[in-house]
């Protein structure tokens, strides 16, 4: 039997937590290592100070994917920090912008091994920050007085609101497009969550503005309220994931909690279908913000399996439980859920030649399987790293767009140029998903992955 002239490399699949970017659980108004919110409540106002966290109480677990470095007890590992801020924190005077908070937040996220996802909000509910004072004095608003608090609501349809709030968004995009994880589309109602009137025409103008301002950043439209964003190619978010009976009326005549209105039964199935959003996940991420926090679900006895199944059905990428402690009996199930969110690339096989002639390319066939539920939405290049003695050279394949790797199989065949510096003899080969500096950033789910995120593919001889 003639020996084969090829080598098949089949890395062993790993089910461990990978700490990959752009997916999974998120911190909220916090960064890794910071103490969680006490109880089951949180703040809508984003952080304005960014101290280096003290050494947190660490998880010491005995699962086969064991230690979660830098994780505060009661939470999950996070590579995304999600924060939201009100307009008046950045534009105290019309046209004068102070983005020092964002610069500090980006530094804090990088320091803690995270990217920064952002929502900018024009105003909040009564008692929370409202539109900037200069806007309220100069442009059309409606003032509502509720007990001791006031709410100053801009006229969403006015050209002044489009110009002022839109101008602020444009300036933010000019500075930060491509530097942040994602940006929420938010312009109607308190926190930008849709409670208010805005004509379809004005909604379309705002959606076009976000698209123009953030061509290199994933955008998220609130499902059920801002379908105009979906028409302009955004992904979507929901702000009450897990609600299968969190809130219901009390009293003798109340409808049983199992039969009352809730978002998982009455809002999201209808909203996704009516917005035509069933396939939006293929090009834009899905973000699940919890209704209350999972501790509320646990105390009310909600069906966690059903809730998590719905999230996977949506092809979600992010899970945001608001930096409140998670129920200890549910930690492992929530961790497993987060491992499935977004992308997860299993490197199944590479077919390589055993020998390559000097100056000739290396033919390679690759099978990768995305065993997650969504693609990745940020661009990285697939690259091969050649090592020989003290030489290390990297060859990216720029024609492969990993953002098109939907769940399922990826197969490609290429003739990969071998660097001319490689002399006859053995060459070590590895594969990675690299950024513009040729630094591997995304791990394959494989046991043979090095600490620097490159995957060992053995090698070949130049002869």
Foldseek 3Di string as FASTA:
>chain_A
DDDDQKDKFFFDFFPADDLFALFFEEAELDFQQDAFDPDQDADQAHDQDQDDHDRADFDQDDPPNGGQPRHHPQDDRAQEYEYEHEPCVFPLDQPHGDCVSVVVVQVNSVVRNHFYEYEYEQAADWPGGHHHPVCLVPADWDWDDDPPTIHTGHPLADVVLCCRVLVVLLVCLVPCQVRGAAYEQARDDHSSQAPHDYDPVSLLVSLVSNCVSHVRYAYEYAFPHRLSVVVVQHHYEYAAQPWQQLDFDDDDPTDPSNPDDTCVPPNPVVRCVVSVPQPSLLAYAYEYHHRRAQVSCVVVVHDPVVSLVVCLSSLHGYYYRHRYRHPPVCVVVSNSSRSQHEWAKAWGIKMWGQEDAQFFFTKIKTKIATNHRGFRNHFWWKWKWKDDDPDIDIFTDVVDTRSNRHGGIDMDIDRTGDDNPDDFFKIWMWIATHDPVRQGRGAHSGPQADPSRIHTPGTHGHD
